[in-house]
């Protein structure tokens, strides 16, 4: 019985670590998404300005 409890505790610990890792990955992806959106927005603005100056 005690062996099973210890195995479950280890599994819970492993799952907690996996959740923490997944949360970290999500934050990294969110940050990357914001950076990509900002870059895209700046390029769109740049192209709009070029179009305005050509007309």
N, C-alpha and C. Protein backbone atom coordinates (compact mmCIF):
# COMPACT_ATOMS: atom_id res chain seq x y z
N UNK A 1 0.82 -1.20 0.00
CA UNK A 1 0.00 0.00 0.00
C UNK A 1 0.86 1.27 0.00
N UNK A 2 1.88 1.26 0.84
CA UNK A 2 2.75 2.43 0.92
C UNK A 2 3.51 2.64 -0.39
N UNK A 3 3.88 1.53 -1.02
CA UNK A 3 4.59 1.61 -2.30
C UNK A 3 3.71 2.30 -3.34
N UNK A 4 2.44 1.93 -3.37
CA UNK A 4 1.50 2.53 -4.33
C UNK A 4 1.33 4.02 -4.06
N UNK A 5 1.27 4.37 -2.78
CA UNK A 5 1.12 5.78 -2.41
C UNK A 5 2.34 6.58 -2.88
N UNK A 6 3.52 6.03 -2.66
CA UNK A 6 4.75 6.71 -3.09
C UNK A 6 4.82 6.84 -4.61
N UNK A 7 4.36 5.81 -5.31
CA UNK A 7 4.32 5.88 -6.77
C UNK A 7 3.36 6.97 -7.24
N UNK A 8 2.21 7.05 -6.59
CA UNK A 8 1.23 8.09 -6.93
C UNK A 8 1.77 9.49 -6.64
N UNK A 9 2.47 9.62 -5.51
CA UNK A 9 3.07 10.91 -5.17
C UNK A 9 4.10 11.32 -6.23
N UNK A 10 4.90 10.35 -6.68
CA UNK A 10 5.89 10.64 -7.72
C UNK A 10 5.19 11.04 -9.01
N UNK A 11 4.14 10.32 -9.35
CA UNK A 11 3.41 10.64 -10.57
C UNK A 11 2.78 12.03 -10.49
N UNK A 12 2.25 12.38 -9.33
CA UNK A 12 1.68 13.72 -9.14
C UNK A 12 2.76 14.78 -9.29
N UNK A 13 3.92 14.53 -8.71
CA UNK A 13 5.04 15.47 -8.83
C UNK A 13 5.46 15.63 -10.29
N UNK A 14 5.54 14.52 -11.00
CA UNK A 14 5.91 14.56 -12.42
C UNK A 14 4.87 15.36 -13.22
N UNK A 15 3.60 15.14 -12.92
CA UNK A 15 2.54 15.85 -13.63
C UNK A 15 2.59 17.35 -13.33
N UNK A 16 2.87 17.71 -12.08
CA UNK A 16 3.00 19.12 -11.72
C UNK A 16 4.13 19.77 -12.51
N UNK A 17 5.25 19.07 -12.62
CA UNK A 17 6.39 19.60 -13.37
C UNK A 17 6.03 19.76 -14.85
N UNK A 18 5.28 18.81 -15.37
CA UNK A 18 4.87 18.89 -16.76
C UNK A 18 3.93 20.08 -16.99
N UNK A 19 3.03 20.31 -16.05
CA UNK A 19 2.12 21.46 -16.15
C UNK A 19 2.91 22.77 -16.12
N UNK A 20 3.88 22.85 -15.23
CA UNK A 20 4.72 24.05 -15.15
C UNK A 20 5.45 24.27 -16.47
N UNK A 21 5.97 23.19 -17.03
CA UNK A 21 6.68 23.28 -18.31
C UNK A 21 5.73 23.75 -19.42
N UNK A 22 4.53 23.20 -19.44
CA UNK A 22 3.55 23.60 -20.46
C UNK A 22 3.16 25.07 -20.30
N UNK A 23 3.00 25.52 -19.07
CA UNK A 23 2.68 26.93 -18.82
C UNK A 23 3.80 27.83 -19.34
N UNK A 24 5.03 27.41 -19.11
CA UNK A 24 6.18 28.18 -19.59
C UNK A 24 6.17 28.24 -21.11
N UNK A 25 5.91 27.10 -21.75
CA UNK A 25 5.85 27.07 -23.21
C UNK A 25 4.75 27.99 -23.74
N UNK A 26 3.62 28.00 -23.08
CA UNK A 26 2.52 28.87 -23.50
C UNK A 26 2.93 30.33 -23.40
N UNK A 27 3.59 30.70 -22.32
CA UNK A 27 4.03 32.09 -22.16
C UNK A 27 5.03 32.48 -23.25
N UNK A 28 5.93 31.57 -23.58
CA UNK A 28 6.91 31.83 -24.65
C UNK A 28 6.18 32.02 -25.98
N UNK A 29 5.21 31.15 -26.25
CA UNK A 29 4.45 31.27 -27.50
C UNK A 29 3.64 32.56 -27.55
N UNK A 30 3.08 32.95 -26.43
CA UNK A 30 2.33 34.23 -26.38
C UNK A 30 3.27 35.39 -26.67
N UNK A 31 4.44 35.36 -26.05
CA UNK A 31 5.41 36.43 -26.29
C UNK A 31 5.83 36.49 -27.74
N UNK A 32 6.08 35.34 -28.32
CA UNK A 32 6.46 35.28 -29.73
C UNK A 32 5.34 35.79 -30.61
N UNK A 33 4.12 35.46 -30.26
CA UNK A 33 2.96 35.91 -31.02
C UNK A 33 2.86 37.43 -31.01
N UNK A 34 3.08 38.03 -29.85
CA UNK A 34 3.03 39.49 -29.74
C UNK A 34 4.13 40.12 -30.58
N UNK A 35 5.33 39.56 -30.50
CA UNK A 35 6.44 40.09 -31.29
C UNK A 35 6.13 39.99 -32.78
N UNK A 36 5.60 38.84 -33.21
CA UNK A 36 5.26 38.66 -34.62
C UNK A 36 4.17 39.64 -35.05
N UNK A 37 3.18 39.86 -34.20
CA UNK A 37 2.10 40.78 -34.53
C UNK A 37 2.63 42.21 -34.64
N UNK A 38 3.50 42.59 -33.72
CA UNK A 38 4.09 43.93 -33.77
C UNK A 38 4.91 44.11 -35.05
N UNK A 39 5.67 43.09 -35.42
CA UNK A 39 6.48 43.15 -36.63
C UNK A 39 5.56 43.28 -37.85
N UNK A 40 4.52 42.46 -37.89
CA UNK A 40 3.57 42.50 -39.01
C UNK A 40 2.91 43.87 -39.09
N UNK A 41 2.48 44.40 -37.96
CA UNK A 41 1.86 45.73 -37.94
C UNK A 41 2.81 46.80 -38.46
N UNK A 42 4.07 46.71 -38.05
CA UNK A 42 5.03 47.72 -38.51
C UNK A 42 5.27 47.62 -40.01
N UNK A 43 5.31 46.40 -40.53
CA UNK A 43 5.50 46.22 -41.98
C UNK A 43 4.28 46.72 -42.75
N UNK A 44 3.10 46.48 -42.23
CA UNK A 44 1.88 46.98 -42.88
C UNK A 44 1.90 48.50 -42.90
N UNK A 45 2.25 49.12 -41.79
CA UNK A 45 2.33 50.58 -41.73
C UNK A 45 3.37 51.10 -42.72
N UNK A 46 4.50 50.43 -42.79
CA UNK A 46 5.56 50.83 -43.72
C UNK A 46 5.05 50.76 -45.17
N UNK A 47 4.37 49.68 -45.51
CA UNK A 47 3.84 49.54 -46.88
C UNK A 47 2.75 50.57 -47.17
N UNK A 48 1.92 50.84 -46.17
CA UNK A 48 0.88 51.87 -46.35
C UNK A 48 1.51 53.23 -46.62
N UNK A 49 2.57 53.54 -45.90
CA UNK A 49 3.26 54.82 -46.10
C UNK A 49 3.87 54.89 -47.50
N UNK A 50 4.41 53.80 -47.97
CA UNK A 50 4.99 53.78 -49.31
C UNK A 50 3.89 53.99 -50.35
N UNK A 51 2.75 53.38 -50.14
CA UNK A 51 1.63 53.55 -51.08
C UNK A 51 1.13 55.00 -51.08
N UNK A 52 1.07 55.60 -49.89
CA UNK A 52 0.59 56.99 -49.79
C UNK A 52 1.55 57.92 -50.52
N UNK A 53 2.84 57.71 -50.39
CA UNK A 53 3.81 58.60 -51.03
C UNK A 53 3.85 58.40 -52.54
N UNK A 54 3.42 57.26 -53.01
CA UNK A 54 3.41 57.02 -54.46
C UNK A 54 2.18 57.61 -55.15
N UNK A 55 1.16 57.88 -54.40
CA UNK A 55 -0.06 58.40 -55.04
C UNK A 55 -0.14 59.90 -55.02
